[in-house]
Amino acid sequence: MNLHSVGSQPTLGASDGSMGQGRPQSKRLQQTQAQVDEVVGIMKVNVEKVLERDAKLSQLDDRADALQEGASQFEKSAATLKRKYWWKNCKMIIIICAIVLVIIIIIVVWVSTSN
């Protein structure tokens, strides 16, 4: 009997066990082995692609985390700036009201003293 190993499984050289018909069986075995080798090659490429994809996803996740942190910092800065300018606007309104009030008082005093 002619034994060939494919992976860990031994197979017979001929289907009926005779030695005379080993060549066609051997050719079929070689074709099958070539197909297996091709599939193994394709699977290796696929595994490499999956690993590359995983690395890219990891990088993308890191960038997304950094972007999220930047956005959070921007939001805090924007809130602080908004509060600062709100107080500036309040002060400006108070100053304008005080100036208008002083002008009104001056006009009232001027009108009452000119009579």
N, C-alpha and C. Protein backbone atom coordinates (compact mmCIF):
# COMPACT_ATOMS: atom_id res chain seq x y z
N MET A 1 0.83 -1.18 0.00
CA MET A 1 0.00 0.00 0.00
C MET A 1 0.87 1.24 0.00
N ASN A 2 0.39 2.26 -0.68
CA ASN A 2 1.11 3.52 -0.77
C ASN A 2 0.44 4.52 0.15
N LEU A 3 1.14 4.95 1.19
CA LEU A 3 0.55 5.89 2.14
C LEU A 3 1.06 7.29 1.87
N HIS A 4 0.14 8.24 1.84
CA HIS A 4 0.48 9.66 1.71
C HIS A 4 -0.17 10.38 2.87
N SER A 5 0.52 11.37 3.42
CA SER A 5 -0.10 12.10 4.54
C SER A 5 -0.53 13.47 4.07
N VAL A 6 -1.76 13.79 4.36
CA VAL A 6 -2.31 15.12 4.11
C VAL A 6 -2.67 15.66 5.48
N GLY A 7 -1.95 16.65 5.93
CA GLY A 7 -2.16 17.13 7.28
C GLY A 7 -1.70 16.06 8.23
N SER A 8 -2.60 15.55 9.07
CA SER A 8 -2.24 14.50 10.00
C SER A 8 -2.95 13.19 9.67
N GLN A 9 -3.71 13.14 8.57
CA GLN A 9 -4.48 11.97 8.20
C GLN A 9 -3.77 11.19 7.09
N PRO A 10 -3.36 9.96 7.31
CA PRO A 10 -2.78 9.16 6.22
C PRO A 10 -3.88 8.70 5.29
N THR A 11 -3.58 8.66 3.99
CA THR A 11 -4.55 8.19 3.01
C THR A 11 -3.89 7.12 2.15
N LEU A 12 -4.69 6.27 1.60
CA LEU A 12 -4.18 5.20 0.75
C LEU A 12 -3.90 5.73 -0.64
N GLY A 13 -2.94 5.11 -1.33
CA GLY A 13 -2.57 5.53 -2.67
C GLY A 13 -3.66 5.22 -3.68
N ALA A 14 -4.39 4.15 -3.53
CA ALA A 14 -5.46 3.79 -4.45
C ALA A 14 -6.72 3.54 -3.66
N SER A 15 -7.84 3.77 -4.31
CA SER A 15 -9.10 3.65 -3.58
C SER A 15 -9.44 2.20 -3.25
N ASP A 16 -9.06 1.25 -4.09
CA ASP A 16 -9.36 -0.15 -3.80
C ASP A 16 -8.21 -0.87 -3.13
N GLY A 17 -7.11 -0.18 -2.89
CA GLY A 17 -5.98 -0.78 -2.19
C GLY A 17 -4.99 -1.45 -3.12
N SER A 18 -5.23 -1.51 -4.44
CA SER A 18 -4.29 -2.14 -5.36
C SER A 18 -3.16 -1.20 -5.70
N MET A 19 -1.99 -1.74 -5.99
CA MET A 19 -0.82 -0.92 -6.25
C MET A 19 -0.77 -0.44 -7.69
N GLY A 20 -1.44 -1.06 -8.61
CA GLY A 20 -1.39 -0.71 -10.02
C GLY A 20 -2.08 0.60 -10.34
N GLN A 21 -3.00 1.03 -9.56
CA GLN A 21 -3.76 2.23 -9.86
C GLN A 21 -3.32 3.41 -8.99
N GLY A 22 -2.10 3.46 -8.55
CA GLY A 22 -1.59 4.51 -7.68
C GLY A 22 -1.38 5.83 -8.39
N ARG A 23 -1.05 5.84 -9.66
CA ARG A 23 -0.75 7.09 -10.37
C ARG A 23 -1.96 8.02 -10.48
N PRO A 24 -3.12 7.57 -10.97
CA PRO A 24 -4.25 8.51 -11.03
C PRO A 24 -4.63 9.03 -9.64
N GLN A 25 -4.54 8.15 -8.65
CA GLN A 25 -4.86 8.57 -7.28
C GLN A 25 -3.83 9.59 -6.81
N SER A 26 -2.57 9.37 -7.14
CA SER A 26 -1.49 10.28 -6.74
C SER A 26 -1.69 11.65 -7.40
N LYS A 27 -2.11 11.64 -8.66
CA LYS A 27 -2.36 12.91 -9.36
C LYS A 27 -3.51 13.66 -8.69
N ARG A 28 -4.55 12.92 -8.35
CA ARG A 28 -5.68 13.54 -7.65
C ARG A 28 -5.25 14.09 -6.31
N LEU A 29 -4.40 13.33 -5.62
CA LEU A 29 -3.90 13.76 -4.32
C LEU A 29 -3.06 15.03 -4.47
N GLN A 30 -2.24 15.08 -5.51
CA GLN A 30 -1.43 16.27 -5.75
C GLN A 30 -2.31 17.48 -6.07
N GLN A 31 -3.36 17.25 -6.86
CA GLN A 31 -4.29 18.35 -7.17
C GLN A 31 -4.98 18.84 -5.90
N THR A 32 -5.40 17.88 -5.08
CA THR A 32 -6.06 18.25 -3.82
C THR A 32 -5.10 19.00 -2.92
N GLN A 33 -3.84 18.50 -2.87
CA GLN A 33 -2.83 19.17 -2.04
C GLN A 33 -2.57 20.59 -2.56
N ALA A 34 -2.55 20.75 -3.88
CA ALA A 34 -2.35 22.08 -4.47
C ALA A 34 -3.51 23.00 -4.09
N GLN A 35 -4.73 22.46 -4.12
CA GLN A 35 -5.89 23.26 -3.72
C GLN A 35 -5.81 23.63 -2.25
N VAL A 36 -5.41 22.68 -1.42
CA VAL A 36 -5.26 22.95 0.02
C VAL A 36 -4.20 24.03 0.22
N ASP A 37 -3.07 23.91 -0.49
CA ASP A 37 -2.01 24.91 -0.37
C ASP A 37 -2.51 26.29 -0.80
N GLU A 38 -3.31 26.32 -1.87
CA GLU A 38 -3.86 27.59 -2.33
C GLU A 38 -4.79 28.19 -1.28
N VAL A 39 -5.65 27.35 -0.70
CA VAL A 39 -6.56 27.83 0.34
C VAL A 39 -5.78 28.31 1.56
N VAL A 40 -4.72 27.58 1.92
CA VAL A 40 -3.88 28.00 3.05
C VAL A 40 -3.25 29.36 2.76
N GLY A 41 -2.77 29.54 1.53
CA GLY A 41 -2.19 30.83 1.14
C GLY A 41 -3.21 31.95 1.24
N ILE A 42 -4.41 31.68 0.74
CA ILE A 42 -5.48 32.68 0.80
C ILE A 42 -5.83 33.00 2.25
N MET A 43 -5.89 31.97 3.07
CA MET A 43 -6.21 32.19 4.49
C MET A 43 -5.12 33.00 5.19
N LYS A 44 -3.85 32.74 4.84
CA LYS A 44 -2.76 33.53 5.42
C LYS A 44 -2.91 34.99 5.05
N VAL A 45 -3.23 35.25 3.78
CA VAL A 45 -3.44 36.63 3.33
C VAL A 45 -4.61 37.24 4.09
N ASN A 46 -5.68 36.48 4.25
CA ASN A 46 -6.85 36.98 4.97
C ASN A 46 -6.51 37.30 6.43
N VAL A 47 -5.74 36.43 7.06
CA VAL A 47 -5.34 36.67 8.46
C VAL A 47 -4.50 37.94 8.54
N GLU A 48 -3.56 38.11 7.59
CA GLU A 48 -2.74 39.32 7.57
C GLU A 48 -3.62 40.57 7.42
N LYS A 49 -4.61 40.48 6.53
CA LYS A 49 -5.51 41.61 6.32
C LYS A 49 -6.31 41.91 7.59
N VAL A 50 -6.75 40.86 8.28
CA VAL A 50 -7.50 41.05 9.52
C VAL A 50 -6.62 41.72 10.57
N LEU A 51 -5.36 41.28 10.66
CA LEU A 51 -4.44 41.89 11.63
C LEU A 51 -4.17 43.35 11.28
N GLU A 52 -4.00 43.66 9.99
CA GLU A 52 -3.81 45.05 9.57
C GLU A 52 -5.05 45.87 9.90
N ARG A 53 -6.21 45.29 9.65
CA ARG A 53 -7.47 45.98 9.94
C ARG A 53 -7.59 46.26 11.43
N ASP A 54 -7.19 45.28 12.25
CA ASP A 54 -7.23 45.45 13.69
C ASP A 54 -6.31 46.59 14.12
N ALA A 55 -5.12 46.65 13.53
CA ALA A 55 -4.18 47.72 13.87
C ALA A 55 -4.75 49.08 13.46
N LYS A 56 -5.35 49.14 12.28
CA LYS A 56 -5.94 50.40 11.82
C LYS A 56 -7.11 50.80 12.71
N LEU A 57 -7.93 49.83 13.11
CA LEU A 57 -9.04 50.14 14.00
C LEU A 57 -8.55 50.63 15.36
N SER A 58 -7.47 50.04 15.83
CA SER A 58 -6.89 50.47 17.10
C SER A 58 -6.39 51.91 16.99
N GLN A 59 -5.71 52.23 15.89
CA GLN A 59 -5.25 53.60 15.67
C GLN A 59 -6.44 54.55 15.58
N LEU A 60 -7.46 54.14 14.87
CA LEU A 60 -8.65 54.98 14.72
C LEU A 60 -9.32 55.21 16.07
N ASP A 61 -9.36 54.16 16.89
CA ASP A 61 -9.94 54.30 18.23
C ASP A 61 -9.14 55.28 19.07
N ASP A 62 -7.81 55.20 18.98
CA ASP A 62 -6.96 56.14 19.72
C ASP A 62 -7.20 57.57 19.25
N ARG A 63 -7.30 57.74 17.93
CA ARG A 63 -7.55 59.09 17.39
C ARG A 63 -8.93 59.59 17.82
N ALA A 64 -9.91 58.71 17.85
CA ALA A 64 -11.26 59.11 18.28
C ALA A 64 -11.25 59.52 19.74
N ASP A 65 -10.51 58.78 20.57
CA ASP A 65 -10.40 59.15 21.99
C ASP A 65 -9.75 60.52 22.14
N ALA A 66 -8.67 60.76 21.38
CA ALA A 66 -7.99 62.05 21.45
C ALA A 66 -8.91 63.17 20.97
N LEU A 67 -9.67 62.90 19.93
CA LEU A 67 -10.61 63.89 19.41
C LEU A 67 -11.70 64.17 20.43
N GLN A 68 -12.18 63.13 21.09
CA GLN A 68 -13.21 63.31 22.12
C GLN A 68 -12.68 64.16 23.26
N GLU A 69 -11.45 63.90 23.67
CA GLU A 69 -10.85 64.68 24.75
C GLU A 69 -10.67 66.14 24.32
N GLY A 70 -10.24 66.34 23.07
CA GLY A 70 -10.09 67.70 22.55
C GLY A 70 -11.43 68.42 22.49
N ALA A 71 -12.46 67.70 22.09
CA ALA A 71 -13.80 68.30 22.03
C ALA A 71 -14.29 68.67 23.42
N SER A 72 -14.02 67.82 24.39
CA SER A 72 -14.42 68.11 25.77
C SER A 72 -13.68 69.35 26.28
N GLN A 73 -12.39 69.43 26.01
CA GLN A 73 -11.61 70.60 26.43
C GLN A 73 -12.12 71.86 25.73
N PHE A 74 -12.45 71.74 24.45
CA PHE A 74 -12.99 72.88 23.70
C PHE A 74 -14.31 73.34 24.31
N GLU A 75 -15.14 72.38 24.67
CA GLU A 75 -16.44 72.72 25.27
C GLU A 75 -16.25 73.47 26.59
N LYS A 76 -15.31 73.03 27.41
CA LYS A 76 -15.04 73.72 28.67
C LYS A 76 -14.52 75.13 28.42
N SER A 77 -13.60 75.26 27.47
CA SER A 77 -13.04 76.58 27.15
C SER A 77 -14.12 77.50 26.61
N ALA A 78 -14.99 76.96 25.77
CA ALA A 78 -16.07 77.77 25.21
C ALA A 78 -17.02 78.25 26.30
N ALA A 79 -17.33 77.39 27.26
CA ALA A 79 -18.21 77.79 28.36
C ALA A 79 -17.55 78.88 29.21
N THR A 80 -16.26 78.74 29.48
CA THR A 80 -15.54 79.75 30.26
C THR A 80 -15.52 81.08 29.52
N LEU A 81 -15.24 81.03 28.23
CA LEU A 81 -15.20 82.25 27.42
C LEU A 81 -16.58 82.90 27.34
N LYS A 82 -17.61 82.08 27.21
CA LYS A 82 -18.98 82.61 27.15
C LYS A 82 -19.31 83.33 28.45
N ARG A 83 -18.98 82.74 29.58
CA ARG A 83 -19.23 83.36 30.88
C ARG A 83 -18.46 84.67 31.01
N LYS A 84 -17.21 84.67 30.58
CA LYS A 84 -16.37 85.87 30.66
C LYS A 84 -17.00 87.02 29.87
N TYR A 85 -17.40 86.75 28.64
CA TYR A 85 -17.97 87.81 27.81
C TYR A 85 -19.37 88.18 28.25
N TRP A 86 -20.10 87.28 28.89
CA TRP A 86 -21.40 87.64 29.43
C TRP A 86 -21.21 88.69 30.53
N TRP A 87 -20.22 88.47 31.41
CA TRP A 87 -19.94 89.45 32.47
C TRP A 87 -19.46 90.76 31.86
N LYS A 88 -18.63 90.72 30.81
CA LYS A 88 -18.19 91.95 30.15
C LYS A 88 -19.38 92.71 29.60
N ASN A 89 -20.31 91.99 28.98
CA ASN A 89 -21.51 92.65 28.44
C ASN A 89 -22.35 93.26 29.55
N CYS A 90 -22.48 92.54 30.67
CA CYS A 90 -23.23 93.09 31.81
C CYS A 90 -22.57 94.37 32.30
N LYS A 91 -21.26 94.37 32.45
CA LYS A 91 -20.55 95.57 32.90
C LYS A 91 -20.74 96.71 31.92
N MET A 92 -20.68 96.41 30.62
CA MET A 92 -20.86 97.45 29.61
C MET A 92 -22.26 98.02 29.67
N ILE A 93 -23.26 97.19 29.85
CA ILE A 93 -24.64 97.68 29.97
C ILE A 93 -24.78 98.56 31.20
N ILE A 94 -24.18 98.15 32.32
CA ILE A 94 -24.25 98.95 33.55
C ILE A 94 -23.56 100.30 33.34
N ILE A 95 -22.40 100.30 32.67
CA ILE A 95 -21.69 101.56 32.41
C ILE A 95 -22.51 102.46 31.50
N ILE A 96 -23.10 101.90 30.45
CA ILE A 96 -23.93 102.71 29.54
C ILE A 96 -25.14 103.27 30.29
N CYS A 97 -25.79 102.45 31.12
CA CYS A 97 -26.93 102.95 31.90
C CYS A 97 -26.49 104.06 32.85
N ALA A 98 -25.33 103.92 33.47
CA ALA A 98 -24.82 104.95 34.38
C ALA A 98 -24.55 106.24 33.62
N ILE A 99 -23.95 106.14 32.43
CA ILE A 99 -23.68 107.34 31.62
C ILE A 99 -24.98 108.02 31.21
N VAL A 100 -25.95 107.22 30.76
CA VAL A 100 -27.26 107.78 30.38
C VAL A 100 -27.91 108.44 31.59
N LEU A 101 -27.83 107.82 32.75
CA LEU A 101 -28.41 108.39 33.97
C LEU A 101 -27.72 109.70 34.34
N VAL A 102 -26.40 109.74 34.22
CA VAL A 102 -25.67 110.98 34.51
C VAL A 102 -26.07 112.08 33.54
N ILE A 103 -26.21 111.74 32.26
CA ILE A 103 -26.63 112.73 31.26
C ILE A 103 -28.03 113.24 31.58
N ILE A 104 -28.93 112.34 31.95
CA ILE A 104 -30.30 112.76 32.31
C ILE A 104 -30.26 113.67 33.53
N ILE A 105 -29.47 113.34 34.53
CA ILE A 105 -29.36 114.18 35.74
C ILE A 105 -28.80 115.55 35.37
N ILE A 106 -27.78 115.59 34.51
CA ILE A 106 -27.20 116.87 34.09
C ILE A 106 -28.24 117.70 33.37
N ILE A 107 -29.01 117.07 32.49
CA ILE A 107 -30.04 117.81 31.75
C ILE A 107 -31.11 118.33 32.71
N VAL A 108 -31.54 117.50 33.64
CA VAL A 108 -32.57 117.92 34.60
C VAL A 108 -32.04 119.08 35.45
N VAL A 109 -30.82 118.97 35.94
CA VAL A 109 -30.24 120.04 36.76
C VAL A 109 -30.08 121.31 35.93
N TRP A 110 -29.62 121.20 34.71
CA TRP A 110 -29.43 122.36 33.84
C TRP A 110 -30.76 123.05 33.54
N VAL A 111 -31.80 122.23 33.25
CA VAL A 111 -33.12 122.81 32.96
C VAL A 111 -33.69 123.46 34.22
N SER A 112 -33.55 122.85 35.37
CA SER A 112 -34.13 123.42 36.59
C SER A 112 -33.37 124.66 37.04
N THR A 113 -32.10 124.79 36.77
CA THR A 113 -31.34 125.98 37.17
C THR A 113 -31.51 127.11 36.17
N SER A 114 -31.83 126.82 34.95
CA SER A 114 -32.00 127.89 33.98
C SER A 114 -33.36 128.56 34.12
N ASN A 115 -34.27 128.05 34.81
CA ASN A 115 -35.58 128.69 34.99
C ASN A 115 -35.54 129.61 36.10
